[in-house]
Amino acid sequence: MPGRQELPSTLERSPQEARRTWIKAHDSAVEEYG
């Protein structure tokens, strides 16, 4: 599932760079660990 859909509400209020970093890490973890 794309990280964008699971973005925590606290990050929704964060700067775009923080959201981008979280989404990238989330998607990488999902790809690696399932």
PDB file of N, CA and C in Angstrom:
ATOM      1  N   MET A   1       0.857  -1.189   0.000  1.00  0.00           N
ATOM      2  CA  MET A   1       0.000   0.000   0.000  1.00  0.00           C
ATOM      3  C   MET A   1       0.893   1.239   0.000  1.00  0.00           C
ATOM      4  N   PRO A   2       0.605   2.169  -0.846  1.00  0.00           N
ATOM      5  CA  PRO A   2       1.414   3.383  -0.890  1.00  0.00           C
ATOM      6  C   PRO A   2       1.400   4.132   0.440  1.00  0.00           C
ATOM      7  N   GLY A   3       2.564   4.628   0.826  1.00  0.00           N
ATOM      8  CA  GLY A   3       2.687   5.361   2.074  1.00  0.00           C
ATOM      9  C   GLY A   3       1.775   6.566   2.154  1.00  0.00           C
ATOM     10  N   ARG A   4       1.495   7.165   1.010  1.00  0.00           N
ATOM     11  CA  ARG A   4       0.633   8.344   0.979  1.00  0.00           C
ATOM     12  C   ARG A   4      -0.721   8.060   1.619  1.00  0.00           C
ATOM     13  N   GLN A   5      -1.216   6.835   1.447  1.00  0.00           N
ATOM     14  CA  GLN A   5      -2.528   6.472   1.988  1.00  0.00           C
ATOM     15  C   GLN A   5      -2.467   6.187   3.481  1.00  0.00           C
ATOM     16  N   GLU A   6      -1.281   5.917   4.020  1.00  0.00           N
ATOM     17  CA  GLU A   6      -1.133   5.581   5.432  1.00  0.00           C
ATOM     18  C   GLU A   6      -0.454   6.691   6.220  1.00  0.00           C
ATOM     19  N   LEU A   7      -0.312   7.845   5.633  1.00  0.00           N
ATOM     20  CA  LEU A   7       0.385   8.957   6.268  1.00  0.00           C
ATOM     21  C   LEU A   7      -0.280   9.328   7.591  1.00  0.00           C
ATOM     22  N   PRO A   8       0.477   9.306   8.705  1.00  0.00           N
ATOM     23  CA  PRO A   8      -0.099   9.693  10.001  1.00  0.00           C
ATOM     24  C   PRO A   8      -0.571  11.148   9.987  1.00  0.00           C
ATOM     25  N   SER A   9      -1.584  11.426  10.770  1.00  0.00           N
ATOM     26  CA  SER A   9      -2.155  12.778  10.785  1.00  0.00           C
ATOM     27  C   SER A   9      -1.129  13.821  11.210  1.00  0.00           C
ATOM     28  N   THR A  10      -0.195  13.438  12.078  1.00  0.00           N
ATOM     29  CA  THR A  10       0.830  14.399  12.490  1.00  0.00           C
ATOM     30  C   THR A  10       1.709  14.800  11.315  1.00  0.00           C
ATOM     31  N   LEU A  11       1.974  13.868  10.416  1.00  0.00           N
ATOM     32  CA  LEU A  11       2.797  14.190   9.252  1.00  0.00           C
ATOM     33  C   LEU A  11       2.020  14.953   8.196  1.00  0.00           C
ATOM     34  N   GLU A  12       0.710  14.833   8.200  1.00  0.00           N
ATOM     35  CA  GLU A  12      -0.094  15.605   7.249  1.00  0.00           C
ATOM     36  C   GLU A  12       0.081  17.099   7.487  1.00  0.00           C
ATOM     37  N   ARG A  13       0.425  17.456   8.724  1.00  0.00           N
ATOM     38  CA  ARG A  13       0.621  18.868   9.060  1.00  0.00           C
ATOM     39  C   ARG A  13       2.086  19.288   8.959  1.00  0.00           C
ATOM     40  N   SER A  14       2.947  18.345   8.614  1.00  0.00           N
ATOM     41  CA  SER A  14       4.386  18.604   8.548  1.00  0.00           C
ATOM     42  C   SER A  14       4.790  19.148   7.180  1.00  0.00           C
ATOM     43  N   PRO A  15       6.006  19.671   7.091  1.00  0.00           N
ATOM     44  CA  PRO A  15       6.495  20.157   5.795  1.00  0.00           C
ATOM     45  C   PRO A  15       6.537  19.038   4.763  1.00  0.00           C
ATOM     46  N   GLN A  16       6.465  19.419   3.506  1.00  0.00           N
ATOM     47  CA  GLN A  16       6.434  18.446   2.414  1.00  0.00           C
ATOM     48  C   GLN A  16       7.655  17.527   2.443  1.00  0.00           C
ATOM     49  N   GLU A  17       8.819  18.064   2.773  1.00  0.00           N
ATOM     50  CA  GLU A  17      10.038  17.244   2.801  1.00  0.00           C
ATOM     51  C   GLU A  17       9.923  16.126   3.839  1.00  0.00           C
ATOM     52  N   ALA A  18       9.332  16.412   4.984  1.00  0.00           N
ATOM     53  CA  ALA A  18       9.145  15.381   6.017  1.00  0.00           C
ATOM     54  C   ALA A  18       8.185  14.306   5.526  1.00  0.00           C
ATOM     55  N   ARG A  19       7.116  14.721   4.871  1.00  0.00           N
ATOM     56  CA  ARG A  19       6.158  13.739   4.325  1.00  0.00           C
ATOM     57  C   ARG A  19       6.824  12.876   3.263  1.00  0.00           C
ATOM     58  N   ARG A  20       7.595  13.503   2.399  1.00  0.00           N
ATOM     59  CA  ARG A  20       8.267  12.771   1.324  1.00  0.00           C
ATOM     60  C   ARG A  20       9.232  11.734   1.903  1.00  0.00           C
ATOM     61  N   THR A  21       9.969  12.122   2.943  1.00  0.00           N
ATOM     62  CA  THR A  21      10.912  11.203   3.582  1.00  0.00           C
ATOM     63  C   THR A  21      10.182  10.029   4.208  1.00  0.00           C
ATOM     64  N   TRP A  22       9.075  10.310   4.909  1.00  0.00           N
ATOM     65  CA  TRP A  22       8.306   9.234   5.555  1.00  0.00           C
ATOM     66  C   TRP A  22       7.737   8.272   4.521  1.00  0.00           C
ATOM     67  N   ILE A  23       7.184   8.816   3.459  1.00  0.00           N
ATOM     68  CA  ILE A  23       6.589   7.979   2.406  1.00  0.00           C
ATOM     69  C   ILE A  23       7.661   7.097   1.766  1.00  0.00           C
ATOM     70  N   LYS A  24       8.824   7.671   1.502  1.00  0.00           N
ATOM     71  CA  LYS A  24       9.910   6.911   0.884  1.00  0.00           C
ATOM     72  C   LYS A  24      10.353   5.772   1.807  1.00  0.00           C
ATOM     73  N   ALA A  25      10.512   6.066   3.096  1.00  0.00           N
ATOM     74  CA  ALA A  25      10.919   5.036   4.058  1.00  0.00           C
ATOM     75  C   ALA A  25       9.838   3.971   4.205  1.00  0.00           C
ATOM     76  N   HIS A  26       8.589   4.394   4.267  1.00  0.00           N
ATOM     77  CA  HIS A  26       7.470   3.452   4.403  1.00  0.00           C
ATOM     78  C   HIS A  26       7.418   2.509   3.210  1.00  0.00           C
ATOM     79  N   ASP A  27       7.441   3.068   2.019  1.00  0.00           N
ATOM     80  CA  ASP A  27       7.336   2.249   0.817  1.00  0.00           C
ATOM     81  C   ASP A  27       8.526   1.295   0.695  1.00  0.00           C
ATOM     82  N   SER A  28       9.701   1.755   1.090  1.00  0.00           N
ATOM     83  CA  SER A  28      10.883   0.905   1.057  1.00  0.00           C
ATOM     84  C   SER A  28      10.741  -0.256   2.040  1.00  0.00           C
ATOM     85  N   ALA A  29      10.229   0.021   3.233  1.00  0.00           N
ATOM     86  CA  ALA A  29      10.031  -1.031   4.233  1.00  0.00           C
ATOM     87  C   ALA A  29       8.991  -2.042   3.770  1.00  0.00           C
ATOM     88  N   VAL A  30       7.915  -1.569   3.179  1.00  0.00           N
ATOM     89  CA  VAL A  30       6.876  -2.477   2.676  1.00  0.00           C
ATOM     90  C   VAL A  30       7.458  -3.372   1.587  1.00  0.00           C
ATOM     91  N   GLU A  31       8.260  -2.788   0.718  1.00  0.00           N
ATOM     92  CA  GLU A  31       8.868  -3.569  -0.361  1.00  0.00           C
ATOM     93  C   GLU A  31       9.836  -4.610   0.205  1.00  0.00           C
ATOM     94  N   GLU A  32      10.584  -4.215   1.234  1.00  0.00           N
ATOM     95  CA  GLU A  32      11.590  -5.105   1.817  1.00  0.00           C
ATOM     96  C   GLU A  32      10.973  -6.198   2.683  1.00  0.00           C
ATOM     97  N   TYR A  33      10.005  -5.841   3.512  1.00  0.00           N
ATOM     98  CA  TYR A  33       9.491  -6.764   4.525  1.00  0.00           C
ATOM     99  C   TYR A  33       8.068  -7.241   4.279  1.00  0.00           C
ATOM    100  N   GLY A  34       7.393  -6.610   3.344  1.00  0.00           N
ATOM    101  CA  GLY A  34       6.049  -7.062   3.003  1.00  0.00           C
ATOM    102  C   GLY A  34       4.936  -6.460   3.739  1.00  0.00           C
TER     103      GLY A  34
END
